[in-house]
Amino acid sequence: MKQIFADTGYWIALIYPSDTLHSAAQSLHRSITAQNPRIITSEMVLTEFLNFFSGLGENLRLQAATFTMQIQQNPNVTVVPQSTEQFNQAVTFYMQRRDKRWSLTDCSSFLMMQALGITEALAHDRHFEQAGFRVLLKN
């Protein structure tokens, strides 16, 4: 079964109408869902997702939290838990890539994708392209 990694920007664009990629994310979601791949994401990504909505008001906070629980319960989505080992590996990778502007979540995601043999990301972040992955969310 094909696996695709879902990054924070994809989840945000999918549910946040004010995001410039909202329509593109919804269209991509319909297209991807029809192919029935295994979507991989992480607790770090979902933390970043929830952090984005933390200051945008009660309604969006609730919508984001509810959506996060739906992601976790979706049988076609695997949410990789954060482990101490994974965190430490991401910190090491982060330190080794001082010339990049990659976040710790990006570094963790890249290592996870490499370990799982995933080459495509539901993301718009050019950092994924810098790391050698194919980005699927574009304007």
N, C-alpha and C. Protein backbone atom coordinates (compact mmCIF):
# COMPACT_ATOMS: atom_id res chain seq x y z
N MET A 1 0.84 -1.18 0.00
CA MET A 1 0.00 0.00 0.00
C MET A 1 0.89 1.25 0.00
N LYS A 2 0.52 2.20 -0.83
CA LYS A 2 1.26 3.44 -0.93
C LYS A 2 1.11 4.25 0.35
N GLN A 3 2.22 4.87 0.78
CA GLN A 3 2.21 5.72 1.97
C GLN A 3 2.58 7.15 1.57
N ILE A 4 1.87 8.11 2.15
CA ILE A 4 2.13 9.53 1.91
C ILE A 4 2.20 10.21 3.27
N PHE A 5 3.17 11.09 3.44
CA PHE A 5 3.31 11.80 4.70
C PHE A 5 2.48 13.08 4.66
N ALA A 6 1.74 13.38 5.73
CA ALA A 6 0.95 14.60 5.84
C ALA A 6 1.60 15.55 6.83
N ASP A 7 1.96 16.73 6.35
CA ASP A 7 2.61 17.74 7.16
C ASP A 7 1.60 18.73 7.72
N THR A 8 2.05 19.54 8.65
CA THR A 8 1.22 20.52 9.33
C THR A 8 0.47 21.44 8.36
N GLY A 9 1.17 21.97 7.38
CA GLY A 9 0.55 22.91 6.44
C GLY A 9 -0.62 22.31 5.69
N TYR A 10 -0.55 21.03 5.41
CA TYR A 10 -1.67 20.35 4.74
C TYR A 10 -2.88 20.30 5.65
N TRP A 11 -2.68 19.86 6.89
CA TRP A 11 -3.81 19.76 7.82
C TRP A 11 -4.43 21.14 8.06
N ILE A 12 -3.59 22.17 8.20
CA ILE A 12 -4.11 23.53 8.40
C ILE A 12 -4.94 23.96 7.19
N ALA A 13 -4.36 23.83 6.01
CA ALA A 13 -5.05 24.26 4.79
C ALA A 13 -6.35 23.50 4.58
N LEU A 14 -6.38 22.27 5.00
CA LEU A 14 -7.56 21.44 4.80
C LEU A 14 -8.78 21.97 5.55
N ILE A 15 -8.58 22.49 6.76
CA ILE A 15 -9.76 22.91 7.56
C ILE A 15 -9.88 24.42 7.76
N TYR A 16 -8.88 25.19 7.36
CA TYR A 16 -8.89 26.63 7.65
C TYR A 16 -9.20 27.41 6.37
N PRO A 17 -10.44 27.89 6.23
CA PRO A 17 -10.85 28.58 5.00
C PRO A 17 -10.01 29.81 4.66
N SER A 18 -9.37 30.45 5.65
CA SER A 18 -8.56 31.63 5.39
C SER A 18 -7.18 31.30 4.83
N ASP A 19 -6.81 30.04 4.85
CA ASP A 19 -5.51 29.63 4.32
C ASP A 19 -5.54 29.76 2.79
N THR A 20 -4.48 30.30 2.22
CA THR A 20 -4.44 30.50 0.77
C THR A 20 -4.48 29.19 -0.02
N LEU A 21 -4.14 28.09 0.63
CA LEU A 21 -4.14 26.79 -0.05
C LEU A 21 -5.36 25.94 0.32
N HIS A 22 -6.36 26.56 0.94
CA HIS A 22 -7.54 25.80 1.39
C HIS A 22 -8.21 25.03 0.25
N SER A 23 -8.52 25.70 -0.83
CA SER A 23 -9.18 25.03 -1.97
C SER A 23 -8.30 23.95 -2.57
N ALA A 24 -7.03 24.25 -2.71
CA ALA A 24 -6.09 23.26 -3.27
C ALA A 24 -5.98 22.04 -2.36
N ALA A 25 -5.96 22.27 -1.04
CA ALA A 25 -5.87 21.16 -0.08
C ALA A 25 -7.12 20.30 -0.13
N GLN A 26 -8.28 20.92 -0.23
CA GLN A 26 -9.51 20.15 -0.29
C GLN A 26 -9.58 19.32 -1.58
N SER A 27 -9.17 19.91 -2.68
CA SER A 27 -9.14 19.19 -3.95
C SER A 27 -8.14 18.03 -3.89
N LEU A 28 -6.97 18.28 -3.36
CA LEU A 28 -5.96 17.24 -3.21
C LEU A 28 -6.46 16.14 -2.29
N HIS A 29 -7.13 16.51 -1.21
CA HIS A 29 -7.66 15.52 -0.27
C HIS A 29 -8.66 14.59 -0.98
N ARG A 30 -9.54 15.15 -1.78
CA ARG A 30 -10.50 14.31 -2.52
C ARG A 30 -9.77 13.36 -3.47
N SER A 31 -8.78 13.88 -4.16
CA SER A 31 -8.01 13.07 -5.11
C SER A 31 -7.23 11.97 -4.39
N ILE A 32 -6.58 12.31 -3.31
CA ILE A 32 -5.78 11.34 -2.54
C ILE A 32 -6.69 10.28 -1.92
N THR A 33 -7.81 10.70 -1.35
CA THR A 33 -8.73 9.78 -0.70
C THR A 33 -9.23 8.73 -1.69
N ALA A 34 -9.43 9.13 -2.93
CA ALA A 34 -9.90 8.19 -3.96
C ALA A 34 -8.86 7.10 -4.24
N GLN A 35 -7.59 7.41 -4.02
CA GLN A 35 -6.50 6.44 -4.24
C GLN A 35 -6.30 5.52 -3.05
N ASN A 36 -6.87 5.88 -1.91
CA ASN A 36 -6.83 5.08 -0.68
C ASN A 36 -5.42 4.72 -0.20
N PRO A 37 -4.52 5.73 -0.12
CA PRO A 37 -3.20 5.42 0.42
C PRO A 37 -3.22 5.41 1.94
N ARG A 38 -2.15 4.97 2.55
CA ARG A 38 -1.96 5.09 3.99
C ARG A 38 -1.35 6.47 4.22
N ILE A 39 -2.02 7.31 5.00
CA ILE A 39 -1.50 8.63 5.34
C ILE A 39 -0.73 8.50 6.65
N ILE A 40 0.49 8.97 6.64
CA ILE A 40 1.35 8.95 7.82
C ILE A 40 1.54 10.38 8.29
N THR A 41 1.38 10.61 9.57
CA THR A 41 1.68 11.90 10.18
C THR A 41 2.27 11.61 11.55
N SER A 42 2.51 12.62 12.32
CA SER A 42 3.15 12.39 13.63
C SER A 42 2.52 13.25 14.71
N GLU A 43 2.77 12.86 15.93
CA GLU A 43 2.31 13.67 17.05
C GLU A 43 2.97 15.05 17.02
N MET A 44 4.22 15.12 16.55
CA MET A 44 4.88 16.42 16.44
C MET A 44 4.14 17.32 15.45
N VAL A 45 3.73 16.75 14.33
CA VAL A 45 2.98 17.50 13.33
C VAL A 45 1.66 17.97 13.92
N LEU A 46 0.97 17.08 14.62
CA LEU A 46 -0.32 17.46 15.20
C LEU A 46 -0.17 18.49 16.30
N THR A 47 0.94 18.46 17.03
CA THR A 47 1.22 19.48 18.03
C THR A 47 1.39 20.84 17.35
N GLU A 48 2.15 20.85 16.27
CA GLU A 48 2.36 22.08 15.50
C GLU A 48 1.02 22.59 14.94
N PHE A 49 0.19 21.67 14.45
CA PHE A 49 -1.13 22.00 13.93
C PHE A 49 -1.98 22.67 15.01
N LEU A 50 -2.05 22.08 16.20
CA LEU A 50 -2.83 22.65 17.29
C LEU A 50 -2.25 23.98 17.75
N ASN A 51 -0.94 24.09 17.78
CA ASN A 51 -0.30 25.35 18.17
C ASN A 51 -0.69 26.49 17.23
N PHE A 52 -0.82 26.18 15.93
CA PHE A 52 -1.20 27.19 14.95
C PHE A 52 -2.54 27.83 15.33
N PHE A 53 -3.49 27.01 15.76
CA PHE A 53 -4.84 27.49 16.05
C PHE A 53 -5.00 28.03 17.48
N SER A 54 -3.98 27.93 18.29
CA SER A 54 -4.11 28.27 19.72
C SER A 54 -4.53 29.71 19.97
N GLY A 55 -4.14 30.63 19.13
CA GLY A 55 -4.48 32.03 19.35
C GLY A 55 -5.54 32.57 18.41
N LEU A 56 -6.26 31.70 17.73
CA LEU A 56 -7.23 32.16 16.74
C LEU A 56 -8.67 32.11 17.21
N GLY A 57 -8.86 32.00 18.50
CA GLY A 57 -10.21 32.03 19.04
C GLY A 57 -10.73 30.67 19.43
N GLU A 58 -11.74 30.70 20.30
CA GLU A 58 -12.30 29.47 20.86
C GLU A 58 -12.86 28.52 19.81
N ASN A 59 -13.57 29.05 18.83
CA ASN A 59 -14.20 28.19 17.82
C ASN A 59 -13.16 27.42 17.00
N LEU A 60 -12.12 28.13 16.56
CA LEU A 60 -11.08 27.45 15.77
C LEU A 60 -10.27 26.48 16.63
N ARG A 61 -10.04 26.84 17.89
CA ARG A 61 -9.35 25.91 18.80
C ARG A 61 -10.14 24.61 18.92
N LEU A 62 -11.44 24.74 19.12
CA LEU A 62 -12.29 23.56 19.25
C LEU A 62 -12.33 22.76 17.95
N GLN A 63 -12.45 23.46 16.83
CA GLN A 63 -12.47 22.79 15.53
C GLN A 63 -11.16 22.02 15.30
N ALA A 64 -10.03 22.64 15.63
CA ALA A 64 -8.73 21.99 15.45
C ALA A 64 -8.58 20.78 16.35
N ALA A 65 -9.02 20.90 17.60
CA ALA A 65 -8.93 19.77 18.54
C ALA A 65 -9.83 18.62 18.08
N THR A 66 -11.02 18.95 17.65
CA THR A 66 -11.95 17.93 17.16
C THR A 66 -11.37 17.24 15.92
N PHE A 67 -10.82 18.04 15.00
CA PHE A 67 -10.22 17.48 13.79
C PHE A 67 -9.03 16.57 14.13
N THR A 68 -8.24 16.97 15.12
CA THR A 68 -7.11 16.14 15.55
C THR A 68 -7.59 14.78 16.04
N MET A 69 -8.65 14.78 16.80
CA MET A 69 -9.20 13.50 17.28
C MET A 69 -9.73 12.65 16.11
N GLN A 70 -10.30 13.30 15.10
CA GLN A 70 -10.77 12.58 13.92
C GLN A 70 -9.60 11.96 13.15
N ILE A 71 -8.51 12.71 13.05
CA ILE A 71 -7.31 12.18 12.39
C ILE A 71 -6.83 10.94 13.13
N GLN A 72 -6.77 11.03 14.46
CA GLN A 72 -6.29 9.91 15.26
C GLN A 72 -7.18 8.67 15.14
N GLN A 73 -8.45 8.86 14.90
CA GLN A 73 -9.39 7.74 14.81
C GLN A 73 -9.58 7.23 13.38
N ASN A 74 -9.03 7.93 12.42
CA ASN A 74 -9.19 7.55 11.02
C ASN A 74 -8.39 6.29 10.74
N PRO A 75 -9.04 5.22 10.26
CA PRO A 75 -8.32 3.96 10.01
C PRO A 75 -7.31 4.04 8.86
N ASN A 76 -7.39 5.08 8.03
CA ASN A 76 -6.45 5.24 6.92
C ASN A 76 -5.26 6.14 7.27
N VAL A 77 -5.23 6.60 8.52
CA VAL A 77 -4.15 7.48 8.96
C VAL A 77 -3.40 6.82 10.11
N THR A 78 -2.09 6.85 10.01
CA THR A 78 -1.24 6.40 11.11
C THR A 78 -0.58 7.63 11.72
N VAL A 79 -0.79 7.83 13.01
CA VAL A 79 -0.14 8.92 13.73
C VAL A 79 1.02 8.30 14.52
N VAL A 80 2.23 8.65 14.12
CA VAL A 80 3.42 8.10 14.77
C VAL A 80 3.64 8.86 16.07
N PRO A 81 3.69 8.13 17.19
CA PRO A 81 3.90 8.79 18.48
C PRO A 81 5.31 9.35 18.60
N GLN A 82 5.44 10.36 19.43
CA GLN A 82 6.75 10.96 19.70
C GLN A 82 7.46 10.14 20.76
N SER A 83 8.64 9.68 20.44
CA SER A 83 9.46 8.96 21.43
C SER A 83 10.68 9.81 21.77
N THR A 84 11.28 9.52 22.88
CA THR A 84 12.51 10.22 23.27
C THR A 84 13.61 9.98 22.24
N GLU A 85 13.71 8.74 21.78
CA GLU A 85 14.73 8.42 20.77
C GLU A 85 14.52 9.22 19.49
N GLN A 86 13.28 9.27 19.04
CA GLN A 86 12.98 10.03 17.82
C GLN A 86 13.29 11.52 18.01
N PHE A 87 12.92 12.05 19.15
CA PHE A 87 13.18 13.44 19.46
C PHE A 87 14.69 13.72 19.43
N ASN A 88 15.47 12.86 20.08
CA ASN A 88 16.92 13.05 20.12
C ASN A 88 17.55 12.93 18.74
N GLN A 89 17.07 12.01 17.92
CA GLN A 89 17.57 11.88 16.55
C GLN A 89 17.25 13.14 15.74
N ALA A 90 16.06 13.69 15.94
CA ALA A 90 15.67 14.91 15.24
C ALA A 90 16.53 16.10 15.68
N VAL A 91 16.85 16.18 16.98
CA VAL A 91 17.70 17.26 17.47
C VAL A 91 19.10 17.15 16.84
N THR A 92 19.63 15.94 16.77
CA THR A 92 20.94 15.72 16.15
C THR A 92 20.91 16.13 14.68
N PHE A 93 19.88 15.71 13.96
CA PHE A 93 19.72 16.06 12.55
C PHE A 93 19.60 17.58 12.39
N TYR A 94 18.85 18.21 13.27
CA TYR A 94 18.68 19.66 13.29
C TYR A 94 20.03 20.36 13.45
N MET A 95 20.85 19.86 14.38
CA MET A 95 22.18 20.44 14.61
C MET A 95 23.09 20.25 13.41
N GLN A 96 22.94 19.12 12.72
CA GLN A 96 23.79 18.82 11.57
C GLN A 96 23.42 19.65 10.34
N ARG A 97 22.25 20.22 10.32
CA ARG A 97 21.76 20.99 9.17
C ARG A 97 21.64 22.48 9.52
N ARG A 98 22.71 23.01 10.10
CA ARG A 98 22.69 24.41 10.56
C ARG A 98 22.48 25.40 9.41
N ASP A 99 22.83 24.98 8.19
CA ASP A 99 22.66 25.87 7.04
C ASP A 99 21.22 25.94 6.54
N LYS A 100 20.34 25.12 7.10
CA LYS A 100 18.94 25.07 6.69
C LYS A 100 18.07 25.82 7.70
N ARG A 101 16.88 26.16 7.27
CA ARG A 101 15.91 26.80 8.16
C ARG A 101 14.82 25.80 8.54
N TRP A 102 15.19 24.54 8.62
CA TRP A 102 14.25 23.48 8.92
C TRP A 102 13.90 23.49 10.41
N SER A 103 12.60 23.37 10.70
CA SER A 103 12.17 23.28 12.09
C SER A 103 12.50 21.89 12.65
N LEU A 104 12.40 21.76 13.95
CA LEU A 104 12.62 20.45 14.56
C LEU A 104 11.57 19.46 14.06
N THR A 105 10.33 19.93 13.88
CA THR A 105 9.28 19.05 13.35
C THR A 105 9.63 18.61 11.93
N ASP A 106 10.15 19.52 11.11
CA ASP A 106 10.59 19.15 9.77
C ASP A 106 11.65 18.04 9.85
N CYS A 107 12.65 18.24 10.70
CA CYS A 107 13.73 17.26 10.82
C CYS A 107 13.19 15.90 11.25
N SER A 108 12.30 15.89 12.20
CA SER A 108 11.69 14.65 12.65
C SER A 108 10.91 14.00 11.51
N SER A 109 10.16 14.82 10.77
CA SER A 109 9.37 14.30 9.65
C SER A 109 10.26 13.70 8.57
N PHE A 110 11.35 14.38 8.24
CA PHE A 110 12.26 13.88 7.20
C PHE A 110 12.86 12.54 7.60
N LEU A 111 13.29 12.44 8.84
CA LEU A 111 13.86 11.17 9.32
C LEU A 111 12.83 10.06 9.28
N MET A 112 11.61 10.37 9.66
CA MET A 112 10.53 9.38 9.64
C MET A 112 10.23 8.94 8.21
N MET A 113 10.17 9.90 7.30
CA MET A 113 9.90 9.57 5.90
C MET A 113 11.01 8.68 5.33
N GLN A 114 12.25 9.02 5.63
CA GLN A 114 13.38 8.21 5.16
C GLN A 114 13.28 6.80 5.71
N ALA A 115 13.00 6.67 6.99
CA ALA A 115 12.93 5.35 7.63
C ALA A 115 11.81 4.50 7.04
N LEU A 116 10.71 5.14 6.64
CA LEU A 116 9.56 4.41 6.12
C LEU A 116 9.57 4.30 4.59
N GLY A 117 10.56 4.91 3.95
CA GLY A 117 10.64 4.85 2.50
C GLY A 117 9.57 5.70 1.80
N ILE A 118 9.12 6.75 2.45
CA ILE A 118 8.09 7.63 1.88
C ILE A 118 8.78 8.74 1.09
N THR A 119 8.31 8.97 -0.13
CA THR A 119 8.92 9.97 -1.00
C THR A 119 8.02 11.17 -1.28
N GLU A 120 6.72 11.05 -0.94
CA GLU A 120 5.77 12.12 -1.24
C GLU A 120 5.18 12.69 0.05
N ALA A 121 4.96 14.01 0.03
CA ALA A 121 4.42 14.67 1.21
C ALA A 121 3.23 15.54 0.84
N LEU A 122 2.19 15.42 1.65
CA LEU A 122 1.07 16.35 1.59
C LEU A 122 1.56 17.58 2.34
N ALA A 123 2.23 18.43 1.59
CA ALA A 123 2.90 19.59 2.16
C ALA A 123 3.08 20.63 1.06
N HIS A 124 3.30 21.86 1.48
CA HIS A 124 3.64 22.93 0.54
C HIS A 124 4.99 23.54 0.89
N ASP A 125 5.55 23.07 1.96
CA ASP A 125 6.79 23.58 2.52
C ASP A 125 7.97 23.22 1.61
N ARG A 126 8.66 24.24 1.13
CA ARG A 126 9.80 23.98 0.22
C ARG A 126 10.93 23.22 0.92
N HIS A 127 10.90 23.20 2.25
CA HIS A 127 11.91 22.44 2.99
C HIS A 127 11.85 20.96 2.63
N PHE A 128 10.66 20.45 2.37
CA PHE A 128 10.52 19.05 1.96
C PHE A 128 11.22 18.82 0.63
N GLU A 129 11.09 19.77 -0.28
CA GLU A 129 11.79 19.65 -1.56
C GLU A 129 13.29 19.73 -1.36
N GLN A 130 13.75 20.62 -0.49
CA GLN A 130 15.18 20.72 -0.19
C GLN A 130 15.72 19.40 0.33
N ALA A 131 14.89 18.69 1.09
CA ALA A 131 15.31 17.41 1.68
C ALA A 131 15.16 16.25 0.69
N GLY A 132 14.67 16.53 -0.52
CA GLY A 132 14.61 15.50 -1.55
C GLY A 132 13.26 14.80 -1.70
N PHE A 133 12.22 15.37 -1.12
CA PHE A 133 10.89 14.74 -1.21
C PHE A 133 10.02 15.48 -2.22
N ARG A 134 9.02 14.78 -2.71
CA ARG A 134 8.07 15.37 -3.67
C ARG A 134 6.91 15.98 -2.89
N VAL A 135 6.68 17.27 -3.13
CA VAL A 135 5.61 18.01 -2.47
C VAL A 135 4.35 17.96 -3.33
N LEU A 136 3.22 17.60 -2.73
CA LEU A 136 1.99 17.43 -3.49
C LEU A 136 1.03 18.62 -3.41
N LEU A 137 1.17 19.48 -2.41
CA LEU A 137 0.25 20.60 -2.23
C LEU A 137 0.88 21.86 -2.82
N LYS A 138 0.29 22.31 -3.93
CA LYS A 138 0.80 23.51 -4.60
C LYS A 138 -0.37 24.36 -5.05
N ASN A 139 -0.09 25.63 -5.24
CA ASN A 139 -1.14 26.55 -5.75
C ASN A 139 -1.52 26.17 -7.16
